[in-house]
Amino acid sequence: MPDYREMYLDLFRASEEALDILIAAHRRCEEMYLSSQQEERSQAEKRAGE
């Protein structure tokens, strides 16, 4: 007879890992976006000062 509890726990752990990976990727993308916005603002300020 299959060990349903162990099967459930294995699936649950894998789901948690998948969510952690997605959250980390989301945070990296947010940081990349914010960095690019800051760079664009800096470049616009430099051009305005010329």
N, C-alpha and C. Protein backbone atom coordinates (compact mmCIF):
# COMPACT_ATOMS: atom_id res chain seq x y z
N MET A 1 0.85 -1.19 0.00
CA MET A 1 0.00 0.00 0.00
C MET A 1 0.89 1.25 0.00
N PRO A 2 0.58 2.24 -0.85
CA PRO A 2 1.40 3.45 -0.91
C PRO A 2 1.31 4.27 0.38
N ASP A 3 2.39 4.94 0.68
CA ASP A 3 2.44 5.80 1.86
C ASP A 3 1.96 7.19 1.43
N TYR A 4 0.66 7.42 1.56
CA TYR A 4 0.06 8.67 1.09
C TYR A 4 0.59 9.88 1.84
N ARG A 5 0.86 9.70 3.12
CA ARG A 5 1.39 10.82 3.90
C ARG A 5 2.74 11.26 3.33
N GLU A 6 3.62 10.31 3.06
CA GLU A 6 4.93 10.64 2.51
C GLU A 6 4.79 11.24 1.11
N MET A 7 3.85 10.73 0.33
CA MET A 7 3.63 11.28 -1.01
C MET A 7 3.18 12.74 -0.91
N TYR A 8 2.26 13.01 0.01
CA TYR A 8 1.77 14.37 0.20
C TYR A 8 2.89 15.30 0.65
N LEU A 9 3.67 14.84 1.62
CA LEU A 9 4.77 15.67 2.12
C LEU A 9 5.80 15.96 1.03
N ASP A 10 6.10 14.96 0.20
CA ASP A 10 7.04 15.16 -0.89
C ASP A 10 6.52 16.21 -1.87
N LEU A 11 5.25 16.11 -2.22
CA LEU A 11 4.64 17.09 -3.13
C LEU A 11 4.60 18.48 -2.50
N PHE A 12 4.29 18.54 -1.21
CA PHE A 12 4.23 19.81 -0.51
C PHE A 12 5.61 20.49 -0.50
N ARG A 13 6.65 19.71 -0.19
CA ARG A 13 8.02 20.27 -0.17
C ARG A 13 8.42 20.79 -1.55
N ALA A 14 8.09 20.03 -2.59
CA ALA A 14 8.43 20.46 -3.94
C ALA A 14 7.67 21.74 -4.31
N SER A 15 6.42 21.84 -3.88
CA SER A 15 5.64 23.05 -4.14
C SER A 15 6.26 24.26 -3.44
N GLU A 16 6.71 24.06 -2.21
CA GLU A 16 7.36 25.15 -1.47
C GLU A 16 8.65 25.59 -2.17
N GLU A 17 9.43 24.64 -2.63
CA GLU A 17 10.66 24.97 -3.35
C GLU A 17 10.36 25.76 -4.62
N ALA A 18 9.33 25.33 -5.35
CA ALA A 18 8.96 26.02 -6.58
C ALA A 18 8.53 27.46 -6.28
N LEU A 19 7.76 27.65 -5.23
CA LEU A 19 7.34 29.00 -4.86
C LEU A 19 8.54 29.86 -4.47
N ASP A 20 9.47 29.29 -3.72
CA ASP A 20 10.67 30.03 -3.33
C ASP A 20 11.46 30.48 -4.56
N ILE A 21 11.57 29.61 -5.55
CA ILE A 21 12.28 29.95 -6.79
C ILE A 21 11.58 31.09 -7.51
N LEU A 22 10.25 31.01 -7.61
CA LEU A 22 9.48 32.06 -8.29
C LEU A 22 9.56 33.39 -7.56
N ILE A 23 9.49 33.36 -6.25
CA ILE A 23 9.58 34.60 -5.47
C ILE A 23 10.96 35.23 -5.63
N ALA A 24 12.00 34.44 -5.60
CA ALA A 24 13.36 34.96 -5.78
C ALA A 24 13.53 35.58 -7.17
N ALA A 25 12.99 34.94 -8.19
CA ALA A 25 13.08 35.47 -9.55
C ALA A 25 12.30 36.78 -9.65
N HIS A 26 11.16 36.84 -9.02
CA HIS A 26 10.35 38.07 -9.03
C HIS A 26 11.10 39.22 -8.38
N ARG A 27 11.74 38.94 -7.27
CA ARG A 27 12.50 39.99 -6.58
C ARG A 27 13.67 40.47 -7.42
N ARG A 28 14.38 39.53 -8.08
CA ARG A 28 15.49 39.92 -8.95
C ARG A 28 15.00 40.82 -10.09
N CYS A 29 13.88 40.48 -10.67
CA CYS A 29 13.33 41.28 -11.76
C CYS A 29 12.92 42.66 -11.27
N GLU A 30 12.33 42.74 -10.09
CA GLU A 30 11.97 44.04 -9.53
C GLU A 30 13.22 44.90 -9.34
N GLU A 31 14.27 44.30 -8.82
CA GLU A 31 15.52 45.04 -8.61
C GLU A 31 16.10 45.52 -9.95
N MET A 32 16.05 44.67 -10.95
CA MET A 32 16.56 45.06 -12.27
C MET A 32 15.75 46.23 -12.82
N TYR A 33 14.43 46.18 -12.67
CA TYR A 33 13.57 47.25 -13.15
C TYR A 33 13.86 48.55 -12.42
N LEU A 34 13.96 48.48 -11.10
CA LEU A 34 14.22 49.70 -10.33
C LEU A 34 15.59 50.27 -10.66
N SER A 35 16.57 49.43 -10.87
CA SER A 35 17.91 49.91 -11.23
C SER A 35 17.88 50.61 -12.58
N SER A 36 17.16 50.04 -13.52
CA SER A 36 17.11 50.66 -14.85
C SER A 36 16.40 52.00 -14.80
N GLN A 37 15.38 52.12 -13.95
CA GLN A 37 14.67 53.39 -13.81
C GLN A 37 15.58 54.46 -13.22
N GLN A 38 16.40 54.07 -12.24
CA GLN A 38 17.33 55.02 -11.63
C GLN A 38 18.38 55.47 -12.64
N GLU A 39 18.87 54.54 -13.47
CA GLU A 39 19.85 54.89 -14.49
C GLU A 39 19.25 55.86 -15.50
N GLU A 40 18.04 55.61 -15.93
CA GLU A 40 17.38 56.49 -16.89
C GLU A 40 17.21 57.88 -16.30
N ARG A 41 16.83 57.95 -15.02
CA ARG A 41 16.66 59.24 -14.37
C ARG A 41 17.98 59.99 -14.30
N SER A 42 19.05 59.28 -13.96
CA SER A 42 20.37 59.90 -13.87
C SER A 42 20.80 60.44 -15.23
N GLN A 43 20.61 59.67 -16.27
CA GLN A 43 20.99 60.10 -17.62
C GLN A 43 20.16 61.31 -18.06
N ALA A 44 18.88 61.32 -17.71
CA ALA A 44 18.01 62.45 -18.08
C ALA A 44 18.46 63.71 -17.34
N GLU A 45 18.85 63.55 -16.07
CA GLU A 45 19.31 64.70 -15.30
C GLU A 45 20.63 65.24 -15.87
N LYS A 46 21.51 64.36 -16.31
CA LYS A 46 22.77 64.80 -16.90
C LYS A 46 22.50 65.57 -18.20
N ARG A 47 21.59 65.06 -19.02
CA ARG A 47 21.28 65.74 -20.28
C ARG A 47 20.64 67.09 -20.03
N ALA A 48 19.80 67.18 -19.00
CA ALA A 48 19.15 68.44 -18.68
C ALA A 48 20.15 69.47 -18.18
N GLY A 49 21.22 69.01 -17.54
CA GLY A 49 22.24 69.92 -17.02
C GLY A 49 23.21 70.40 -18.05
N GLU A 50 23.21 69.80 -19.24
CA GLU A 50 24.17 70.18 -20.29
C GLU A 50 23.77 71.43 -20.98
